[in-house]
Amino acid sequence: MSEITEAIDVAVPVRTAYDQWTQFETFPKFMEGVKSVRQLDDSTLQWTAEVAGREKTWEARITEQRPDERIAWTATEGAHNAGVVTFHRIGEGESRVTLQLDVEPEGPIESAGSALGVVQRRVKGDMERFKEFIESRGTETGAWRGEIDQRTN
């Protein structure tokens, strides 16, 4: 299991950063290897990405979503992955976005890539590209302000 945590400060208000992150279908614009993300309903996403040179498709369920605070998810099929992204105000018009990700590599190629830090570097790059994307726009491409709480106890 690879456990990755990456944070980045962005020069936009928390609401703007959060609202952009809820626009899951824009993820391919700043996430390396992500070919598409389709939102099937309020809490279900279908991902297609290139992983270790192979195309993979999986579904993930949003288990918790609180506007301007956090979004948590877990894969419901395919390779195990789960995570949470949190949003914190650090100043006027400035926010910190923190991504915590747990990924279970499948097979020897993915395991080797994980051991070599490939996933960690990819996530770091994704966060830097998110920063560039949102700061260059200055505003979100859309927003979803609903709440989800499907956590299991």
C-alpha atoms as a PDB file:
ATOM      1  CA  MET A   1       0.000   0.000   0.000  1.00  0.00           C
ATOM      2  CA  SER A   2       1.348   3.429  -0.950  1.00  0.00           C
ATOM      3  CA  GLU A   3       0.287   6.232   1.348  1.00  0.00           C
ATOM      4  CA  ILE A   4       0.880   9.669  -0.123  1.00  0.00           C
ATOM      5  CA  THR A   5       0.267  13.112   1.349  1.00  0.00           C
ATOM      6  CA  GLU A   6       0.845  16.261  -0.691  1.00  0.00           C
ATOM      7  CA  ALA A   7      -0.163  19.843   0.114  1.00  0.00           C
ATOM      8  CA  ILE A   8      -0.007  22.993  -1.954  1.00  0.00           C
ATOM      9  CA  ASP A   9      -0.851  26.622  -1.272  1.00  0.00           C
ATOM     10  CA  VAL A  10      -2.968  28.347  -3.895  1.00  0.00           C
ATOM     11  CA  ALA A  11      -3.629  32.065  -4.312  1.00  0.00           C
ATOM     12  CA  VAL A  12      -7.421  31.747  -4.388  1.00  0.00           C
ATOM     13  CA  PRO A  13     -10.057  31.656  -1.630  1.00  0.00           C
ATOM     14  CA  VAL A  14     -11.015  28.275  -0.144  1.00  0.00           C
ATOM     15  CA  ARG A  15     -14.417  28.426  -1.860  1.00  0.00           C
ATOM     16  CA  THR A  16     -12.798  28.812  -5.280  1.00  0.00           C
ATOM     17  CA  ALA A  17     -10.325  25.951  -4.712  1.00  0.00           C
ATOM     18  CA  TYR A  18     -13.061  23.678  -3.347  1.00  0.00           C
ATOM     19  CA  ASP A  19     -15.550  24.546  -6.091  1.00  0.00           C
ATOM     20  CA  GLN A  20     -12.957  23.759  -8.772  1.00  0.00           C
ATOM     21  CA  TRP A  21     -12.103  20.431  -7.148  1.00  0.00           C
ATOM     22  CA  THR A  22     -15.794  19.444  -7.371  1.00  0.00           C
ATOM     23  CA  GLN A  23     -15.527  19.755 -11.164  1.00  0.00           C
ATOM     24  CA  PHE A  24     -14.191  16.210 -11.446  1.00  0.00           C
ATOM     25  CA  GLU A  25     -14.513  16.092 -15.235  1.00  0.00           C
ATOM     26  CA  THR A  26     -11.775  18.768 -15.490  1.00  0.00           C
ATOM     27  CA  PHE A  27      -9.213  16.528 -13.710  1.00  0.00           C
ATOM     28  CA  PRO A  28      -7.557  15.472 -17.017  1.00  0.00           C
ATOM     29  CA  LYS A  29      -6.537  19.128 -17.490  1.00  0.00           C
ATOM     30  CA  PHE A  30      -4.104  18.900 -14.563  1.00  0.00           C
ATOM     31  CA  MET A  31      -3.770  15.227 -13.547  1.00  0.00           C
ATOM     32  CA  GLU A  32      -1.100  13.299 -15.424  1.00  0.00           C
ATOM     33  CA  GLY A  33      -2.295  10.035 -16.917  1.00  0.00           C
ATOM     34  CA  VAL A  34      -5.989  10.731 -16.249  1.00  0.00           C
ATOM     35  CA  LYS A  35      -7.820  10.381 -19.543  1.00  0.00           C
ATOM     36  CA  SER A  36     -11.346  11.018 -18.292  1.00  0.00           C
ATOM     37  CA  VAL A  37     -13.514  11.309 -15.204  1.00  0.00           C
ATOM     38  CA  ARG A  38     -17.263  10.988 -15.659  1.00  0.00           C
ATOM     39  CA  GLN A  39     -19.622  11.887 -12.862  1.00  0.00           C
ATOM     40  CA  LEU A  40     -22.345   9.231 -12.984  1.00  0.00           C
ATOM     41  CA  ASP A  41     -24.388  10.700 -10.121  1.00  0.00           C
ATOM     42  CA  ASP A  42     -23.789  12.925  -7.071  1.00  0.00           C
ATOM     43  CA  SER A  43     -21.515  10.364  -5.424  1.00  0.00           C
ATOM     44  CA  THR A  44     -20.193   8.067  -8.186  1.00  0.00           C
ATOM     45  CA  LEU A  45     -17.275   8.772 -10.521  1.00  0.00           C
ATOM     46  CA  GLN A  46     -15.946   6.648 -13.378  1.00  0.00           C
ATOM     47  CA  TRP A  47     -12.208   7.108 -13.956  1.00  0.00           C
ATOM     48  CA  THR A  48     -10.099   6.138 -16.954  1.00  0.00           C
ATOM     49  CA  ALA A  49      -6.344   6.568 -16.599  1.00  0.00           C
ATOM     50  CA  GLU A  50      -3.058   5.247 -17.869  1.00  0.00           C
ATOM     51  CA  VAL A  51      -1.287   3.378 -15.085  1.00  0.00           C
ATOM     52  CA  ALA A  52       2.115   1.788 -15.685  1.00  0.00           C
ATOM     53  CA  GLY A  53       1.559   1.931 -19.442  1.00  0.00           C
ATOM     54  CA  ARG A  54      -1.899   0.292 -19.314  1.00  0.00           C
ATOM     55  CA  GLU A  55      -5.326   1.882 -19.513  1.00  0.00           C
ATOM     56  CA  LYS A  56      -7.480   1.196 -16.459  1.00  0.00           C
ATOM     57  CA  THR A  57     -11.084   2.084 -15.697  1.00  0.00           C
ATOM     58  CA  TRP A  58     -12.650   2.022 -12.233  1.00  0.00           C
ATOM     59  CA  GLU A  59     -15.468   3.530 -10.249  1.00  0.00           C
ATOM     60  CA  ALA A  60     -15.115   5.469  -7.037  1.00  0.00           C
ATOM     61  CA  ARG A  61     -17.753   6.509  -4.535  1.00  0.00           C
ATOM     62  CA  ILE A  62     -17.600   9.826  -2.720  1.00  0.00           C
ATOM     63  CA  THR A  63     -18.106   8.893   0.919  1.00  0.00           C
ATOM     64  CA  GLU A  64     -17.976  12.367   2.411  1.00  0.00           C
ATOM     65  CA  GLN A  65     -18.271  15.825   0.955  1.00  0.00           C
ATOM     66  CA  ARG A  66     -18.527  19.013   3.005  1.00  0.00           C
ATOM     67  CA  PRO A  67     -18.393  22.312   1.106  1.00  0.00           C
ATOM     68  CA  ASP A  68     -15.148  24.258   1.588  1.00  0.00           C
ATOM     69  CA  GLU A  69     -13.767  21.548   3.917  1.00  0.00           C
ATOM     70  CA  ARG A  70     -13.252  18.062   2.487  1.00  0.00           C
ATOM     71  CA  ILE A  71     -14.017  15.430  -0.121  1.00  0.00           C
ATOM     72  CA  ALA A  72     -13.321  11.745   0.647  1.00  0.00           C
ATOM     73  CA  TRP A  73     -13.686   8.761  -1.668  1.00  0.00           C
ATOM     74  CA  THR A  74     -12.975   5.079  -2.094  1.00  0.00           C
ATOM     75  CA  ALA A  75     -12.779   2.867  -5.165  1.00  0.00           C
ATOM     76  CA  THR A  76     -15.687   0.461  -5.482  1.00  0.00           C
ATOM     77  CA  GLU A  77     -14.117  -1.689  -8.209  1.00  0.00           C
ATOM     78  CA  GLY A  78     -10.688  -2.196  -9.724  1.00  0.00           C
ATOM     79  CA  ALA A  79      -7.423  -1.417  -7.981  1.00  0.00           C
ATOM     80  CA  HIS A  80      -7.860  -0.280  -4.400  1.00  0.00           C
ATOM     81  CA  ASN A  81      -7.484   3.438  -3.885  1.00  0.00           C
ATOM     82  CA  ALA A  82      -9.005   5.832  -1.413  1.00  0.00           C
ATOM     83  CA  GLY A  83      -8.301   9.322  -0.257  1.00  0.00           C
ATOM     84  CA  VAL A  84      -9.354  12.673   1.041  1.00  0.00           C
ATOM     85  CA  VAL A  85      -8.674  16.217  -0.057  1.00  0.00           C
ATOM     86  CA  THR A  86      -9.038  19.013   2.493  1.00  0.00           C
ATOM     87  CA  PHE A  87      -9.200  22.780   2.081  1.00  0.00           C
ATOM     88  CA  HIS A  88      -7.891  25.310   4.610  1.00  0.00           C
ATOM     89  CA  ARG A  89      -7.891  29.102   4.645  1.00  0.00           C
ATOM     90  CA  ILE A  90      -4.381  30.383   5.319  1.00  0.00           C
ATOM     91  CA  GLY A  91      -4.906  34.052   4.515  1.00  0.00           C
ATOM     92  CA  GLU A  92      -6.986  36.530   2.573  1.00  0.00           C
ATOM     93  CA  GLY A  93      -7.494  34.923  -0.836  1.00  0.00           C
ATOM     94  CA  GLU A  94      -5.057  32.116  -0.025  1.00  0.00           C
ATOM     95  CA  SER A  95      -5.734  28.444   0.677  1.00  0.00           C
ATOM     96  CA  ARG A  96      -3.960  25.196   1.372  1.00  0.00           C
ATOM     97  CA  VAL A  97      -5.162  22.098  -0.474  1.00  0.00           C
ATOM     98  CA  THR A  98      -3.990  18.811   1.071  1.00  0.00           C
ATOM     99  CA  LEU A  99      -4.406  15.473  -0.676  1.00  0.00           C
ATOM    100  CA  GLN A 100      -4.021  12.173   1.193  1.00  0.00           C
ATOM    101  CA  LEU A 101      -4.097   9.130  -1.058  1.00  0.00           C
ATOM    102  CA  ASP A 102      -3.862   5.390  -0.396  1.00  0.00           C
ATOM    103  CA  VAL A 103      -3.144   3.260  -3.459  1.00  0.00           C
ATOM    104  CA  GLU A 104      -2.642  -0.476  -3.731  1.00  0.00           C
ATOM    105  CA  PRO A 105      -0.336  -1.222  -6.680  1.00  0.00           C
ATOM    106  CA  GLU A 106      -1.361  -4.145  -8.894  1.00  0.00           C
ATOM    107  CA  GLY A 107       1.343  -6.411 -10.245  1.00  0.00           C
ATOM    108  CA  PRO A 108       5.120  -6.140 -10.364  1.00  0.00           C
ATOM    109  CA  ILE A 109       5.366  -3.072 -12.642  1.00  0.00           C
ATOM    110  CA  GLU A 110       3.067  -0.932 -10.488  1.00  0.00           C
ATOM    111  CA  SER A 111       4.760  -2.201  -7.314  1.00  0.00           C
ATOM    112  CA  ALA A 112       8.184  -1.277  -8.695  1.00  0.00           C
ATOM    113  CA  GLY A 113       6.899   2.147  -9.751  1.00  0.00           C
ATOM    114  CA  SER A 114       5.478   2.699  -6.292  1.00  0.00           C
ATOM    115  CA  ALA A 115       8.754   1.654  -4.656  1.00  0.00           C
ATOM    116  CA  LEU A 116      10.631   4.111  -6.889  1.00  0.00           C
ATOM    117  CA  GLY A 117       8.335   6.993  -5.900  1.00  0.00           C
ATOM    118  CA  VAL A 118       6.604   7.312  -9.283  1.00  0.00           C
ATOM    119  CA  VAL A 119       3.145   7.770  -7.746  1.00  0.00           C
ATOM    120  CA  GLN A 120       4.438  10.327  -5.213  1.00  0.00           C
ATOM    121  CA  ARG A 121       6.042  12.404  -7.997  1.00  0.00           C
ATOM    122  CA  ARG A 122       2.916  12.176 -10.135  1.00  0.00           C
ATOM    123  CA  VAL A 123       0.723  13.412  -7.273  1.00  0.00           C
ATOM    124  CA  LYS A 124       3.132  16.270  -6.547  1.00  0.00           C
ATOM    125  CA  GLY A 125       3.014  17.272 -10.214  1.00  0.00           C
ATOM    126  CA  ASP A 126      -0.784  17.030 -10.249  1.00  0.00           C
ATOM    127  CA  MET A 127      -1.030  19.369  -7.270  1.00  0.00           C
ATOM    128  CA  GLU A 128       1.368  21.857  -8.903  1.00  0.00           C
ATOM    129  CA  ARG A 129      -0.689  21.748 -12.123  1.00  0.00           C
ATOM    130  CA  PHE A 130      -3.901  22.268 -10.099  1.00  0.00           C
ATOM    131  CA  LYS A 131      -2.292  25.385  -8.598  1.00  0.00           C
ATOM    132  CA  GLU A 132      -1.350  26.689 -12.059  1.00  0.00           C
ATOM    133  CA  PHE A 133      -4.802  25.837 -13.429  1.00  0.00           C
ATOM    134  CA  ILE A 134      -6.850  27.582 -10.731  1.00  0.00           C
ATOM    135  CA  GLU A 135      -4.528  30.558 -10.279  1.00  0.00           C
ATOM    136  CA  SER A 136      -4.349  31.251 -14.019  1.00  0.00           C
ATOM    137  CA  ARG A 137      -8.170  31.229 -14.197  1.00  0.00           C
ATOM    138  CA  GLY A 138      -8.747  33.039 -10.904  1.00  0.00           C
ATOM    139  CA  THR A 139     -12.195  31.463 -10.760  1.00  0.00           C
ATOM    140  CA  GLU A 140     -13.676  27.987 -10.797  1.00  0.00           C
ATOM    141  CA  THR A 141     -15.131  26.386 -13.939  1.00  0.00           C
ATOM    142  CA  GLY A 142     -18.238  25.409 -11.946  1.00  0.00           C
ATOM    143  CA  ALA A 143     -19.335  24.298  -8.510  1.00  0.00           C
ATOM    144  CA  TRP A 144     -21.334  21.710  -6.634  1.00  0.00           C
ATOM    145  CA  ARG A 145     -22.185  22.763  -3.099  1.00  0.00           C
ATOM    146  CA  GLY A 146     -24.076  19.657  -1.967  1.00  0.00           C
ATOM    147  CA  GLU A 147     -23.092  17.501   0.995  1.00  0.00           C
ATOM    148  CA  ILE A 148     -22.541  13.758   1.095  1.00  0.00           C
ATOM    149  CA  ASP A 149     -22.097  11.590   4.170  1.00  0.00           C
ATOM    150  CA  GLN A 150     -21.907   7.874   3.318  1.00  0.00           C
ATOM    151  CA  ARG A 151     -19.191   6.950   5.776  1.00  0.00           C
ATOM    152  CA  THR A 152     -19.432   3.558   7.358  1.00  0.00           C
ATOM    153  CA  ASN A 153     -18.869   3.221  11.063  1.00  0.00           C
END
